[in-house]
Amino acid sequence: MGLGIKIAIAAILFSVISGGYFYIEALQGKLEAAAEVQQRLEGVINQQKLVMERNAADLRKMQTINAEVAEKAGKAEREVAALNSKLSKLDEAVVAKAPPTQTEIRINRGTKDALRCNELVTGSPLTTDELSGKVKNNICPELIASKIPAKEAK
């Protein structure tokens, strides 16, 4: 074989080997880039999982709060019904026969008691007279009784 053919074969082999080398380097670069993209995507997926878990926890908390509010609303409705039944039992004929000053005193006392019931429902603490039992509330005695601590209840 001639020297020219040997040089041509060597050049072709060199070209194939160097081309293969650069092709492998390019593939390794693409592989590293793909690995980085995959890591970023995994990070995004992990963040999304955390957000979903947080949302699920928030949803459970909202359901619990809604149940508590519904229970309190139902209790308030029952108390309103009980109050309405107490007021409906008021005999108008007895009130009409009573002296106006006595009727006025009873109405004022009932209004004062009803307003105190509203205060207690909205979170007002019991007074010392209510805690000791000196002051009676004829509109919502069960509300006052429920707010007295067990050791002080009579």
C-alpha atoms as a PDB file:
ATOM      1  CA  MET A   1       0.000   0.000   0.000  1.00  0.00           C
ATOM      2  CA  GLY A   2       1.055   3.384  -0.696  1.00  0.00           C
ATOM      3  CA  LEU A   3       1.883   6.045   1.719  1.00  0.00           C
ATOM      4  CA  GLY A   4      -1.023   8.196   0.472  1.00  0.00           C
ATOM      5  CA  ILE A   5      -3.544   5.465   1.197  1.00  0.00           C
ATOM      6  CA  LYS A   6      -2.133   4.961   4.686  1.00  0.00           C
ATOM      7  CA  ILE A   7      -2.356   8.679   5.364  1.00  0.00           C
ATOM      8  CA  ALA A   8      -5.921   8.753   4.001  1.00  0.00           C
ATOM      9  CA  ILE A   9      -6.932   5.784   6.175  1.00  0.00           C
ATOM     10  CA  ALA A  10      -5.257   7.390   9.186  1.00  0.00           C
ATOM     11  CA  ALA A  11      -7.021  10.692   8.454  1.00  0.00           C
ATOM     12  CA  ILE A  12     -10.358   8.904   8.125  1.00  0.00           C
ATOM     13  CA  LEU A  13      -9.762   6.979  11.381  1.00  0.00           C
ATOM     14  CA  PHE A  14      -8.692  10.204  13.111  1.00  0.00           C
ATOM     15  CA  SER A  15     -11.810  11.967  11.809  1.00  0.00           C
ATOM     16  CA  VAL A  16     -14.106   9.143  12.939  1.00  0.00           C
ATOM     17  CA  ILE A  17     -12.461   8.899  16.363  1.00  0.00           C
ATOM     18  CA  SER A  18     -12.431  12.686  16.950  1.00  0.00           C
ATOM     19  CA  GLY A  19     -15.989  12.976  15.602  1.00  0.00           C
ATOM     20  CA  GLY A  20     -17.082  10.184  17.968  1.00  0.00           C
ATOM     21  CA  TYR A  21     -15.319  11.906  20.840  1.00  0.00           C
ATOM     22  CA  PHE A  22     -17.037  15.231  20.191  1.00  0.00           C
ATOM     23  CA  TYR A  23     -20.378  13.458  19.663  1.00  0.00           C
ATOM     24  CA  ILE A  24     -20.021  11.700  23.042  1.00  0.00           C
ATOM     25  CA  GLU A  25     -19.051  15.000  24.699  1.00  0.00           C
ATOM     26  CA  ALA A  26     -22.156  16.635  23.213  1.00  0.00           C
ATOM     27  CA  LEU A  27     -24.328  13.765  24.460  1.00  0.00           C
ATOM     28  CA  GLN A  28     -22.815  14.061  27.940  1.00  0.00           C
ATOM     29  CA  GLY A  29     -23.579  17.805  27.943  1.00  0.00           C
ATOM     30  CA  LYS A  30     -27.184  17.116  26.933  1.00  0.00           C
ATOM     31  CA  LEU A  31     -27.423  14.423  29.604  1.00  0.00           C
ATOM     32  CA  GLU A  32     -26.168  16.840  32.295  1.00  0.00           C
ATOM     33  CA  ALA A  33     -28.638  19.492  31.116  1.00  0.00           C
ATOM     34  CA  ALA A  34     -31.460  16.943  31.204  1.00  0.00           C
ATOM     35  CA  ALA A  35     -30.410  15.903  34.727  1.00  0.00           C
ATOM     36  CA  GLU A  36     -30.567  19.547  35.864  1.00  0.00           C
ATOM     37  CA  VAL A  37     -33.999  19.971  34.292  1.00  0.00           C
ATOM     38  CA  GLN A  38     -35.170  16.776  35.995  1.00  0.00           C
ATOM     39  CA  GLN A  39     -33.915  18.003  39.386  1.00  0.00           C
ATOM     40  CA  ARG A  40     -35.743  21.309  38.911  1.00  0.00           C
ATOM     41  CA  LEU A  41     -38.919  19.496  37.955  1.00  0.00           C
ATOM     42  CA  GLU A  42     -38.607  17.222  40.992  1.00  0.00           C
ATOM     43  CA  GLY A  43     -38.206  20.324  43.162  1.00  0.00           C
ATOM     44  CA  VAL A  44     -41.354  21.828  41.631  1.00  0.00           C
ATOM     45  CA  ILE A  45     -43.218  18.561  42.186  1.00  0.00           C
ATOM     46  CA  ASN A  46     -42.105  18.475  45.838  1.00  0.00           C
ATOM     47  CA  GLN A  47     -43.249  22.083  46.296  1.00  0.00           C
ATOM     48  CA  GLN A  48     -46.599  21.247  44.726  1.00  0.00           C
ATOM     49  CA  LYS A  49     -46.974  18.273  47.062  1.00  0.00           C
ATOM     50  CA  LEU A  50     -46.289  20.540  50.063  1.00  0.00           C
ATOM     51  CA  VAL A  51     -48.847  23.065  48.800  1.00  0.00           C
ATOM     52  CA  MET A  52     -51.418  20.310  48.310  1.00  0.00           C
ATOM     53  CA  GLU A  53     -50.779  18.952  51.816  1.00  0.00           C
ATOM     54  CA  ARG A  54     -51.102  22.445  53.275  1.00  0.00           C
ATOM     55  CA  ASN A  55     -54.338  22.997  51.341  1.00  0.00           C
ATOM     56  CA  ALA A  56     -55.699  19.673  52.588  1.00  0.00           C
ATOM     57  CA  ALA A  57     -54.826  20.636  56.186  1.00  0.00           C
ATOM     58  CA  ASP A  58     -56.462  24.040  55.709  1.00  0.00           C
ATOM     59  CA  LEU A  59     -59.545  22.366  54.281  1.00  0.00           C
ATOM     60  CA  ARG A  60     -59.787  20.024  57.276  1.00  0.00           C
ATOM     61  CA  LYS A  61     -59.399  23.010  59.612  1.00  0.00           C
ATOM     62  CA  MET A  62     -62.124  24.943  57.765  1.00  0.00           C
ATOM     63  CA  GLN A  63     -64.450  21.941  57.969  1.00  0.00           C
ATOM     64  CA  THR A  64     -63.837  21.710  61.718  1.00  0.00           C
ATOM     65  CA  ILE A  65     -64.476  25.421  62.186  1.00  0.00           C
ATOM     66  CA  ASN A  66     -67.604  25.251  60.027  1.00  0.00           C
ATOM     67  CA  ALA A  67     -68.915  22.358  62.112  1.00  0.00           C
ATOM     68  CA  GLU A  68     -68.272  24.324  65.317  1.00  0.00           C
ATOM     69  CA  VAL A  69     -69.979  27.416  63.920  1.00  0.00           C
ATOM     70  CA  ALA A  70     -72.951  25.349  62.744  1.00  0.00           C
ATOM     71  CA  GLU A  71     -73.218  23.787  66.207  1.00  0.00           C
ATOM     72  CA  LYS A  72     -73.095  27.206  67.884  1.00  0.00           C
ATOM     73  CA  ALA A  73     -75.665  28.583  65.415  1.00  0.00           C
ATOM     74  CA  GLY A  74     -77.972  25.649  66.138  1.00  0.00           C
ATOM     75  CA  LYS A  75     -77.575  26.199  69.871  1.00  0.00           C
ATOM     76  CA  ALA A  76     -78.333  29.915  69.427  1.00  0.00           C
ATOM     77  CA  GLU A  77     -81.434  29.073  67.388  1.00  0.00           C
ATOM     78  CA  ARG A  78     -82.622  26.714  70.130  1.00  0.00           C
ATOM     79  CA  GLU A  79     -82.045  29.435  72.730  1.00  0.00           C
ATOM     80  CA  VAL A  80     -83.987  31.941  70.624  1.00  0.00           C
ATOM     81  CA  ALA A  81     -86.834  29.461  70.305  1.00  0.00           C
ATOM     82  CA  ALA A  82     -86.820  28.937  74.080  1.00  0.00           C
ATOM     83  CA  LEU A  83     -86.830  32.698  74.641  1.00  0.00           C
ATOM     84  CA  ASN A  84     -89.697  33.138  72.196  1.00  0.00           C
ATOM     85  CA  SER A  85     -91.670  30.439  73.975  1.00  0.00           C
ATOM     86  CA  LYS A  86     -91.078  32.211  77.313  1.00  0.00           C
ATOM     87  CA  LEU A  87     -92.248  35.503  75.860  1.00  0.00           C
ATOM     88  CA  SER A  88     -95.278  33.927  74.182  1.00  0.00           C
ATOM     89  CA  LYS A  89     -96.432  32.548  77.543  1.00  0.00           C
ATOM     90  CA  LEU A  90     -96.890  36.087  78.824  1.00  0.00           C
ATOM     91  CA  ASP A  91    -100.555  36.445  79.593  1.00  0.00           C
ATOM     92  CA  GLU A  92    -101.709  39.732  78.126  1.00  0.00           C
ATOM     93  CA  ALA A  93    -104.810  39.791  80.320  1.00  0.00           C
ATOM     94  CA  VAL A  94    -102.688  39.613  83.491  1.00  0.00           C
ATOM     95  CA  VAL A  95    -100.479  42.416  82.198  1.00  0.00           C
ATOM     96  CA  ALA A  96    -103.509  44.534  81.351  1.00  0.00           C
ATOM     97  CA  LYS A  97    -104.897  44.164  84.906  1.00  0.00           C
ATOM     98  CA  ALA A  98    -101.579  44.982  86.592  1.00  0.00           C
ATOM     99  CA  PRO A  99    -100.788  48.571  87.535  1.00  0.00           C
ATOM    100  CA  PRO A 100     -98.782  50.390  84.821  1.00  0.00           C
ATOM    101  CA  THR A 101     -95.804  51.005  87.088  1.00  0.00           C
ATOM    102  CA  GLN A 102     -95.537  47.302  87.918  1.00  0.00           C
ATOM    103  CA  THR A 103     -95.798  46.419  84.221  1.00  0.00           C
ATOM    104  CA  GLU A 104     -93.145  48.997  83.407  1.00  0.00           C
ATOM    105  CA  ILE A 105     -90.814  47.549  86.062  1.00  0.00           C
ATOM    106  CA  ARG A 106     -91.312  44.022  84.702  1.00  0.00           C
ATOM    107  CA  ILE A 107     -90.715  45.131  81.108  1.00  0.00           C
ATOM    108  CA  ASN A 108     -87.602  47.091  82.065  1.00  0.00           C
ATOM    109  CA  ARG A 109     -86.254  44.145  84.064  1.00  0.00           C
ATOM    110  CA  GLY A 110     -86.912  41.760  81.149  1.00  0.00           C
ATOM    111  CA  THR A 111     -85.232  44.137  78.701  1.00  0.00           C
ATOM    112  CA  LYS A 112     -82.226  44.491  80.996  1.00  0.00           C
ATOM    113  CA  ASP A 113     -81.977  40.695  81.333  1.00  0.00           C
ATOM    114  CA  ALA A 114     -82.310  40.204  77.558  1.00  0.00           C
ATOM    115  CA  LEU A 115     -79.558  42.751  76.890  1.00  0.00           C
ATOM    116  CA  ARG A 116     -77.322  41.021  79.437  1.00  0.00           C
ATOM    117  CA  CYS A 117     -77.979  37.726  77.625  1.00  0.00           C
ATOM    118  CA  ASN A 118     -76.756  39.350  74.397  1.00  0.00           C
ATOM    119  CA  GLU A 119     -73.635  40.563  76.179  1.00  0.00           C
ATOM    120  CA  LEU A 120     -72.928  37.086  77.531  1.00  0.00           C
ATOM    121  CA  VAL A 121     -73.434  35.444  74.144  1.00  0.00           C
ATOM    122  CA  THR A 122     -70.950  37.855  72.572  1.00  0.00           C
ATOM    123  CA  GLY A 123     -68.274  36.991  75.115  1.00  0.00           C
ATOM    124  CA  SER A 124     -68.757  39.303  78.083  1.00  0.00           C
ATOM    125  CA  PRO A 125     -67.484  37.759  81.350  1.00  0.00           C
ATOM    126  CA  LEU A 126     -69.812  37.140  84.282  1.00  0.00           C
ATOM    127  CA  THR A 127     -69.947  39.742  87.011  1.00  0.00           C
ATOM    128  CA  THR A 128     -69.108  38.830  90.591  1.00  0.00           C
ATOM    129  CA  ASP A 129     -72.806  39.099  91.510  1.00  0.00           C
ATOM    130  CA  GLU A 130     -73.703  36.656  88.720  1.00  0.00           C
ATOM    131  CA  LEU A 131     -70.953  34.288  89.818  1.00  0.00           C
ATOM    132  CA  SER A 132     -72.130  34.372  93.431  1.00  0.00           C
ATOM    133  CA  GLY A 133     -75.789  33.976  92.479  1.00  0.00           C
ATOM    134  CA  LYS A 134     -76.931  37.309  93.917  1.00  0.00           C
ATOM    135  CA  VAL A 135     -78.214  38.470  90.530  1.00  0.00           C
ATOM    136  CA  LYS A 136     -80.769  36.281  88.754  1.00  0.00           C
ATOM    137  CA  ASN A 137     -81.515  36.474  85.048  1.00  0.00           C
ATOM    138  CA  ASN A 138     -84.956  35.136  84.152  1.00  0.00           C
ATOM    139  CA  ILE A 139     -84.371  35.293  80.396  1.00  0.00           C
ATOM    140  CA  CYS A 140     -81.300  33.062  80.053  1.00  0.00           C
ATOM    141  CA  PRO A 141     -80.441  31.382  83.365  1.00  0.00           C
ATOM    142  CA  GLU A 142     -79.001  28.350  81.543  1.00  0.00           C
ATOM    143  CA  LEU A 143     -76.482  30.604  79.772  1.00  0.00           C
ATOM    144  CA  ILE A 144     -75.229  32.013  83.064  1.00  0.00           C
ATOM    145  CA  ALA A 145     -75.138  28.529  84.589  1.00  0.00           C
ATOM    146  CA  SER A 146     -73.089  27.244  81.650  1.00  0.00           C
ATOM    147  CA  LYS A 147     -70.509  30.003  82.114  1.00  0.00           C
ATOM    148  CA  ILE A 148     -69.983  29.423  85.854  1.00  0.00           C
ATOM    149  CA  PRO A 149     -66.911  27.226  86.423  1.00  0.00           C
ATOM    150  CA  ALA A 150     -67.703  23.768  87.809  1.00  0.00           C
ATOM    151  CA  LYS A 151     -66.063  24.388  91.194  1.00  0.00           C
ATOM    152  CA  GLU A 152     -68.151  27.539  91.732  1.00  0.00           C
ATOM    153  CA  ALA A 153     -71.466  26.149  90.428  1.00  0.00           C
ATOM    154  CA  LYS A 154     -74.101  25.522  93.077  1.00  0.00           C
END
